[in-house]
PDB file of N, CA and C in Angstrom:
ATOM      1  N   MET A   1     149.443  88.416  90.702  1.00  0.00           N
ATOM      2  CA  MET A   1     148.542  88.193  89.588  1.00  0.00           C
ATOM      3  C   MET A   1     147.105  88.411  90.079  1.00  0.00           C
ATOM      4  N   LYS A   2     146.333  89.138  89.300  1.00  0.00           N
ATOM      5  CA  LYS A   2     144.956  89.451  89.654  1.00  0.00           C
ATOM      6  C   LYS A   2     144.050  88.268  89.336  1.00  0.00           C
ATOM      7  N   THR A   3     143.142  87.960  90.254  1.00  0.00           N
ATOM      8  CA  THR A   3     142.173  86.898  90.037  1.00  0.00           C
ATOM      9  C   THR A   3     141.060  87.413  89.134  1.00  0.00           C
ATOM     10  N   ILE A   4     140.702  86.634  88.138  1.00  0.00           N
ATOM     11  CA  ILE A   4     139.621  86.999  87.221  1.00  0.00           C
ATOM     12  C   ILE A   4     138.350  86.301  87.671  1.00  0.00           C
ATOM     13  N   ARG A   5     137.308  87.079  87.879  1.00  0.00           N
ATOM     14  CA  ARG A   5     136.028  86.521  88.311  1.00  0.00           C
ATOM     15  C   ARG A   5     135.165  86.199  87.099  1.00  0.00           C
ATOM     16  N   ALA A   6     134.184  85.335  87.309  1.00  0.00           N
ATOM     17  CA  ALA A   6     133.287  84.941  86.223  1.00  0.00           C
ATOM     18  C   ALA A   6     132.518  86.141  85.685  1.00  0.00           C
ATOM     19  N   SER A   7     132.121  87.057  86.567  1.00  0.00           N
ATOM     20  CA  SER A   7     131.385  88.233  86.104  1.00  0.00           C
ATOM     21  C   SER A   7     132.256  89.098  85.185  1.00  0.00           C
ATOM     22  N   GLU A   8     133.564  89.128  85.439  1.00  0.00           N
ATOM     23  CA  GLU A   8     134.454  89.884  84.562  1.00  0.00           C
ATOM     24  C   GLU A   8     134.526  89.248  83.176  1.00  0.00           C
ATOM     25  N   ILE A   9     134.539  87.932  83.131  1.00  0.00           N
ATOM     26  CA  ILE A   9     134.564  87.249  81.830  1.00  0.00           C
ATOM     27  C   ILE A   9     133.283  87.560  81.065  1.00  0.00           C
ATOM     28  N   GLY A  10     132.149  87.531  81.785  1.00  0.00           N
ATOM     29  CA  GLY A  10     130.880  87.871  81.146  1.00  0.00           C
ATOM     30  C   GLY A  10     130.877  89.295  80.624  1.00  0.00           C
ATOM     31  N   SER A  11     131.402  90.228  81.413  1.00  0.00           N
ATOM     32  CA  SER A  11     131.490  91.622  80.971  1.00  0.00           C
ATOM     33  C   SER A  11     132.381  91.745  79.745  1.00  0.00           C
ATOM     34  N   TYR A  12     133.491  91.034  79.751  1.00  0.00           N
ATOM     35  CA  TYR A  12     134.426  91.090  78.627  1.00  0.00           C
ATOM     36  C   TYR A  12     133.781  90.532  77.356  1.00  0.00           C
ATOM     37  N   LEU A  13     133.083  89.408  77.491  1.00  0.00           N
ATOM     38  CA  LEU A  13     132.450  88.811  76.319  1.00  0.00           C
ATOM     39  C   LEU A  13     131.326  89.686  75.782  1.00  0.00           C
ATOM     40  N   PHE A  14     130.627  90.380  76.683  1.00  0.00           N
ATOM     41  CA  PHE A  14     129.531  91.251  76.249  1.00  0.00           C
ATOM     42  C   PHE A  14     130.073  92.493  75.557  1.00  0.00           C
ATOM     43  N   CYS A  15     131.067  93.137  76.170  1.00  0.00           N
ATOM     44  CA  CYS A  15     131.624  94.361  75.586  1.00  0.00           C
ATOM     45  C   CYS A  15     133.040  94.564  76.134  1.00  0.00           C
ATOM     46  N   GLN A  16     134.022  94.361  75.280  1.00  0.00           N
ATOM     47  CA  GLN A  16     135.408  94.453  75.709  1.00  0.00           C
ATOM     48  C   GLN A  16     135.768  95.862  76.171  1.00  0.00           C
ATOM     49  N   ARG A  17     135.205  96.857  75.512  1.00  0.00           N
ATOM     50  CA  ARG A  17     135.512  98.239  75.887  1.00  0.00           C
ATOM     51  C   ARG A  17     134.940  98.559  77.270  1.00  0.00           C
ATOM     52  N   ALA A  18     133.694  98.124  77.529  1.00  0.00           N
ATOM     53  CA  ALA A  18     133.087  98.363  78.846  1.00  0.00           C
ATOM     54  C   ALA A  18     133.896  97.666  79.935  1.00  0.00           C
ATOM     55  N   TRP A  19     134.382  96.446  79.638  1.00  0.00           N
ATOM     56  CA  TRP A  19     135.205  95.724  80.606  1.00  0.00           C
ATOM     57  C   TRP A  19     136.485  96.510  80.902  1.00  0.00           C
ATOM     58  N   TRP A  20     137.108  97.063  79.851  1.00  0.00           N
ATOM     59  CA  TRP A  20     138.338  97.820  80.042  1.00  0.00           C
ATOM     60  C   TRP A  20     138.085  99.059  80.884  1.00  0.00           C
ATOM     61  N   TYR A  21     136.998  99.784  80.575  1.00  0.00           N
ATOM     62  CA  TYR A  21     136.666 100.960  81.380  1.00  0.00           C
ATOM     63  C   TYR A  21     136.475 100.586  82.845  1.00  0.00           C
ATOM     64  N   GLN A  22     135.762  99.500  83.072  1.00  0.00           N
ATOM     65  CA  GLN A  22     135.511  99.054  84.452  1.00  0.00           C
ATOM     66  C   GLN A  22     136.828  98.686  85.131  1.00  0.00           C
ATOM     67  N   SER A  23     137.722  98.015  84.430  1.00  0.00           N
ATOM     68  CA  SER A  23     139.006  97.618  85.025  1.00  0.00           C
ATOM     69  C   SER A  23     139.877  98.830  85.339  1.00  0.00           C
ATOM     70  N   GLN A  24     139.649  99.953  84.630  1.00  0.00           N
ATOM     71  CA  GLN A  24     140.399 101.180  84.877  1.00  0.00           C
ATOM     72  C   GLN A  24     139.752 102.054  85.950  1.00  0.00           C
ATOM     73  N   GLY A  25     138.598 101.634  86.475  1.00  0.00           N
ATOM     74  CA  GLY A  25     137.954 102.360  87.560  1.00  0.00           C
ATOM     75  C   GLY A  25     136.906 103.363  87.130  1.00  0.00           C
ATOM     76  N   PHE A  26     136.587 103.420  85.839  1.00  0.00           N
ATOM     77  CA  PHE A  26     135.544 104.326  85.373  1.00  0.00           C
ATOM     78  C   PHE A  26     134.170 103.814  85.810  1.00  0.00           C
ATOM     79  N   GLN A  27     133.301 104.723  86.186  1.00  0.00           N
ATOM     80  CA  GLN A  27     131.938 104.377  86.570  1.00  0.00           C
ATOM     81  C   GLN A  27     130.985 104.704  85.426  1.00  0.00           C
ATOM     82  N   PRO A  28     130.028 103.811  85.126  1.00  0.00           N
ATOM     83  CA  PRO A  28     129.088 104.095  84.045  1.00  0.00           C
ATOM     84  C   PRO A  28     128.154 105.250  84.408  1.00  0.00           C
ATOM     85  N   ASP A  29     127.646 105.920  83.378  1.00  0.00           N
ATOM     86  CA  ASP A  29     126.754 107.058  83.582  1.00  0.00           C
ATOM     87  C   ASP A  29     125.315 106.631  83.886  1.00  0.00           C
ATOM     88  N   ASN A  30     124.960 105.403  83.575  1.00  0.00           N
ATOM     89  CA  ASN A  30     123.576 104.952  83.735  1.00  0.00           C
ATOM     90  C   ASN A  30     123.371 104.193  85.054  1.00  0.00           C
ATOM     91  N   GLN A  31     123.716 104.801  86.158  1.00  0.00           N
ATOM     92  CA  GLN A  31     123.603 104.163  87.470  1.00  0.00           C
ATOM     93  C   GLN A  31     122.151 103.834  87.824  1.00  0.00           C
ATOM     94  N   VAL A  32     121.208 104.720  87.439  1.00  0.00           N
ATOM     95  CA  VAL A  32     119.786 104.493  87.752  1.00  0.00           C
ATOM     96  C   VAL A  32     119.299 103.240  87.037  1.00  0.00           C
ATOM     97  N   GLU A  33     119.632 103.112  85.767  1.00  0.00           N
ATOM     98  CA  GLU A  33     119.210 101.936  85.005  1.00  0.00           C
ATOM     99  C   GLU A  33     119.849 100.661  85.541  1.00  0.00           C
ATOM    100  N   LEU A  34     121.112 100.742  85.916  1.00  0.00           N
ATOM    101  CA  LEU A  34     121.796  99.575  86.476  1.00  0.00           C
ATOM    102  C   LEU A  34     121.161  99.140  87.794  1.00  0.00           C
ATOM    103  N   ALA A  35     120.810 100.094  88.640  1.00  0.00           N
ATOM    104  CA  ALA A  35     120.158  99.770  89.915  1.00  0.00           C
ATOM    105  C   ALA A  35     118.788  99.152  89.668  1.00  0.00           C
ATOM    106  N   SER A  36     118.069  99.678  88.679  1.00  0.00           N
ATOM    107  CA  SER A  36     116.756  99.127  88.348  1.00  0.00           C
ATOM    108  C   SER A  36     116.887  97.683  87.853  1.00  0.00           C
ATOM    109  N   GLY A  37     117.880  97.440  87.016  1.00  0.00           N
ATOM    110  CA  GLY A  37     118.118  96.078  86.525  1.00  0.00           C
ATOM    111  C   GLY A  37     118.516  95.132  87.643  1.00  0.00           C
ATOM    112  N   GLN A  38     119.305  95.623  88.586  1.00  0.00           N
ATOM    113  CA  GLN A  38     119.700  94.807  89.736  1.00  0.00           C
ATOM    114  C   GLN A  38     118.481  94.401  90.554  1.00  0.00           C
ATOM    115  N   ARG A  39     117.578  95.365  90.796  1.00  0.00           N
ATOM    116  CA  ARG A  39     116.360  95.056  91.555  1.00  0.00           C
ATOM    117  C   ARG A  39     115.499  94.046  90.811  1.00  0.00           C
ATOM    118  N   LEU A  40     115.401  94.195  89.492  1.00  0.00           N
ATOM    119  CA  LEU A  40     114.617  93.260  88.691  1.00  0.00           C
ATOM    120  C   LEU A  40     115.193  91.847  88.791  1.00  0.00           C
ATOM    121  N   HIS A  41     116.508  91.726  88.719  1.00  0.00           N
ATOM    122  CA  HIS A  41     117.145  90.412  88.832  1.00  0.00           C
ATOM    123  C   HIS A  41     116.945  89.815  90.222  1.00  0.00           C
ATOM    124  N   GLU A  42     117.015  90.629  91.254  1.00  0.00           N
ATOM    125  CA  GLU A  42     116.796  90.133  92.615  1.00  0.00           C
ATOM    126  C   GLU A  42     115.363  89.650  92.789  1.00  0.00           C
ATOM    127  N   LYS A  43     114.414  90.391  92.235  1.00  0.00           N
ATOM    128  CA  LYS A  43     113.009  89.982  92.309  1.00  0.00           C
ATOM    129  C   LYS A  43     112.802  88.655  91.572  1.00  0.00           C
ATOM    130  N   HIS A  44     113.401  88.538  90.380  1.00  0.00           N
ATOM    131  CA  HIS A  44     113.274  87.313  89.600  1.00  0.00           C
ATOM    132  C   HIS A  44     113.901  86.129  90.334  1.00  0.00           C
ATOM    133  N   ALA A  45     115.051  86.348  90.970  1.00  0.00           N
ATOM    134  CA  ALA A  45     115.703  85.265  91.721  1.00  0.00           C
ATOM    135  C   ALA A  45     114.811  84.792  92.865  1.00  0.00           C
ATOM    136  N   GLY A  46     114.118  85.724  93.527  1.00  0.00           N
ATOM    137  CA  GLY A  46     113.190  85.344  94.587  1.00  0.00           C
ATOM    138  C   GLY A  46     112.044  84.510  94.051  1.00  0.00           C
ATOM    139  N   LEU A  47     111.510  84.887  92.890  1.00  0.00           N
ATOM    140  CA  LEU A  47     110.423  84.114  92.288  1.00  0.00           C
ATOM    141  C   LEU A  47     110.888  82.719  91.888  1.00  0.00           C
ATOM    142  N   VAL A  48     112.091  82.622  91.356  1.00  0.00           N
ATOM    143  CA  VAL A  48     112.634  81.313  90.970  1.00  0.00           C
ATOM    144  C   VAL A  48     112.783  80.414  92.196  1.00  0.00           C
ATOM    145  N   ALA A  49     113.228  80.980  93.308  1.00  0.00           N
ATOM    146  CA  ALA A  49     113.371  80.201  94.538  1.00  0.00           C
ATOM    147  C   ALA A  49     112.007  79.726  95.031  1.00  0.00           C
ATOM    148  N   LYS A  50     111.001  80.594  94.970  1.00  0.00           N
ATOM    149  CA  LYS A  50     109.651  80.208  95.392  1.00  0.00           C
ATOM    150  C   LYS A  50     109.099  79.086  94.525  1.00  0.00           C
ATOM    151  N   VAL A  51     109.311  79.191  93.215  1.00  0.00           N
ATOM    152  CA  VAL A  51     108.827  78.151  92.309  1.00  0.00           C
ATOM    153  C   VAL A  51     109.508  76.820  92.615  1.00  0.00           C
ATOM    154  N   GLY A  52     110.791  76.855  92.922  1.00  0.00           N
ATOM    155  CA  GLY A  52     111.501  75.626  93.275  1.00  0.00           C
ATOM    156  C   GLY A  52     110.917  74.979  94.519  1.00  0.00           C
ATOM    157  N   CYS A  53     110.605  75.786  95.524  1.00  0.00           N
ATOM    158  CA  CYS A  53     110.000  75.259  96.748  1.00  0.00           C
ATOM    159  C   CYS A  53     108.614  74.680  96.465  1.00  0.00           C
ATOM    160  N   LEU A  54     107.834  75.381  95.645  1.00  0.00           N
ATOM    161  CA  LEU A  54     106.499  74.879  95.302  1.00  0.00           C
ATOM    162  C   LEU A  54     106.577  73.578  94.512  1.00  0.00           C
ATOM    163  N   ARG A  55     107.598  73.445  93.666  1.00  0.00           N
ATOM    164  CA  ARG A  55     107.763  72.213  92.897  1.00  0.00           C
ATOM    165  C   ARG A  55     108.065  71.036  93.834  1.00  0.00           C
ATOM    166  N   VAL A  56     108.938  71.255  94.802  1.00  0.00           N
ATOM    167  CA  VAL A  56     109.244  70.204  95.783  1.00  0.00           C
ATOM    168  C   VAL A  56     107.993  69.840  96.563  1.00  0.00           C
ATOM    169  N   LEU A  57     107.226  70.832  96.965  1.00  0.00           N
ATOM    170  CA  LEU A  57     105.985  70.584  97.699  1.00  0.00           C
ATOM    171  C   LEU A  57     105.001  69.790  96.844  1.00  0.00           C
ATOM    172  N   ALA A  58     104.885  70.128  95.567  1.00  0.00           N
ATOM    173  CA  ALA A  58     103.977  69.415  94.670  1.00  0.00           C
ATOM    174  C   ALA A  58     104.390  67.948  94.518  1.00  0.00           C
ATOM    175  N   TYR A  59     105.697  67.714  94.331  1.00  0.00           N
ATOM    176  CA  TYR A  59     106.161  66.325  94.213  1.00  0.00           C
ATOM    177  C   TYR A  59     105.925  65.554  95.511  1.00  0.00           C
ATOM    178  N   THR A  60     106.076  66.222  96.636  1.00  0.00           N
ATOM    179  CA  THR A  60     105.819  65.576  97.920  1.00  0.00           C
ATOM    180  C   THR A  60     104.363  65.150  98.019  1.00  0.00           C
ATOM    181  N   PHE A  61     103.447  66.030  97.617  1.00  0.00           N
ATOM    182  CA  PHE A  61     102.023  65.689  97.657  1.00  0.00           C
ATOM    183  C   PHE A  61     101.689  64.563  96.677  1.00  0.00           C
ATOM    184  N   ILE A  62     102.333  64.548  95.529  1.00  0.00           N
ATOM    185  CA  ILE A  62     102.092  63.466  94.567  1.00  0.00           C
ATOM    186  C   ILE A  62     102.537  62.133  95.153  1.00  0.00           C
ATOM    187  N   VAL A  63     103.717  62.102  95.745  1.00  0.00           N
ATOM    188  CA  VAL A  63     104.219  60.855  96.345  1.00  0.00           C
ATOM    189  C   VAL A  63     103.318  60.430  97.503  1.00  0.00           C
ATOM    190  N   MET A  64     102.900  61.387  98.323  1.00  0.00           N
ATOM    191  CA  MET A  64     102.003  61.046  99.436  1.00  0.00           C
ATOM    192  C   MET A  64     100.682  60.499  98.915  1.00  0.00           C
ATOM    193  N   GLY A  65     100.146  61.080  97.842  1.00  0.00           N
ATOM    194  CA  GLY A  65      98.903  60.584  97.259  1.00  0.00           C
ATOM    195  C   GLY A  65      99.055  59.171  96.737  1.00  0.00           C
ATOM    196  N   ILE A  66     100.164  58.906  96.048  1.00  0.00           N
ATOM    197  CA  ILE A  66     100.404  57.552  95.540  1.00  0.00           C
ATOM    198  C   ILE A  66     100.531  56.565  96.687  1.00  0.00           C
ATOM    199  N   LEU A  67     101.240  56.952  97.749  1.00  0.00           N
ATOM    200  CA  LEU A  67     101.371  56.069  98.913  1.00  0.00           C
ATOM    201  C   LEU A  67     100.023  55.807  99.560  1.00  0.00           C
ATOM    202  N   LEU A  68      99.188  56.815  99.660  1.00  0.00           N
ATOM    203  CA  LEU A  68      97.856  56.617 100.237  1.00  0.00           C
ATOM    204  C   LEU A  68      97.013  55.688  99.375  1.00  0.00           C
ATOM    205  N   ILE A  69      97.120  55.806  98.066  1.00  0.00           N
ATOM    206  CA  ILE A  69      96.385  54.899  97.173  1.00  0.00           C
ATOM    207  C   ILE A  69      96.871  53.472  97.359  1.00  0.00           C
ATOM    208  N   ILE A  70      98.176  53.284  97.457  1.00  0.00           N
ATOM    209  CA  ILE A  70      98.741  51.940  97.646  1.00  0.00           C
ATOM    210  C   ILE A  70      98.303  51.366  98.989  1.00  0.00           C
ATOM    211  N   ILE A  71      98.365  52.174 100.042  1.00  0.00           N
ATOM    212  CA  ILE A  71      97.949  51.700 101.369  1.00  0.00           C
ATOM    213  C   ILE A  71      96.469  51.348 101.361  1.00  0.00           C
ATOM    214  N   ASN A  72      95.658  52.211 100.771  1.00  0.00           N
ATOM    215  CA  ASN A  72      94.208  51.942 100.716  1.00  0.00           C
ATOM    216  C   ASN A  72      93.919  50.673  99.923  1.00  0.00           C
ATOM    217  N   ALA A  73      94.598  50.496  98.801  1.00  0.00           N
ATOM    218  CA  ALA A  73      94.372  49.299  97.978  1.00  0.00           C
ATOM    219  C   ALA A  73      94.830  48.046  98.720  1.00  0.00           C
ATOM    220  N   SER A  74      95.971  48.128  99.419  1.00  0.00           N
ATOM    221  CA  SER A  74      96.455  46.931 100.123  1.00  0.00           C
ATOM    222  C   SER A  74      95.528  46.601 101.302  1.00  0.00           C
ATOM    223  N   LEU A  75      94.997  47.594 101.980  1.00  0.00           N
ATOM    224  CA  LEU A  75      94.044  47.326 103.067  1.00  0.00           C
ATOM    225  C   LEU A  75      92.734  46.750 102.531  1.00  0.00           C
ATOM    226  N   HIS A  76      92.359  47.191 101.359  1.00  0.00           N
ATOM    227  CA  HIS A  76      91.120  46.708 100.736  1.00  0.00           C
ATOM    228  C   HIS A  76      91.257  45.246 100.333  1.00  0.00           C
ATOM    229  N   PHE A  77      92.418  44.852  99.811  1.00  0.00           N
ATOM    230  CA  PHE A  77      92.626  43.474  99.388  1.00  0.00           C
ATOM    231  C   PHE A  77      92.857  42.533 100.547  1.00  0.00           C
ATOM    232  N   LEU A  78      93.362  43.039 101.676  1.00  0.00           N
ATOM    233  CA  LEU A  78      93.637  42.190 102.830  1.00  0.00           C
ATOM    234  C   LEU A  78      92.375  41.841 103.598  1.00  0.00           C
ATOM    235  N   SER A  79      91.380  42.674 103.485  1.00  0.00           N
ATOM    236  CA  SER A  79      90.157  42.410 104.269  1.00  0.00           C
ATOM    237  C   SER A  79      89.139  41.600 103.527  1.00  0.00           C
TER     238      SER A  79
END
C-alpha cells in the first residue's frame, strides 16, 4: 500500500486532475514558474524564522527591563 503524504492531499484538494497527472509521472510544463514560487516560499520561510527570533529577543528585553525596574525600586525602598 502506498503512503499518502500531506502534500499529496493538498494537491488533490486543489486540483484532482493535477494530482492524477502527478501520480502518473507527468511533469508540468511550467517548471520556471514552479521554481520561482519555490524560491519565494523559501525566502518567506526565512523571514518568518527571523521574525520569530526577533520576537523572542523583544520579549527577553521586556522581561529584563521589568526585572531592572523591580530591582531598582526594591533597592530604592530598602535604603
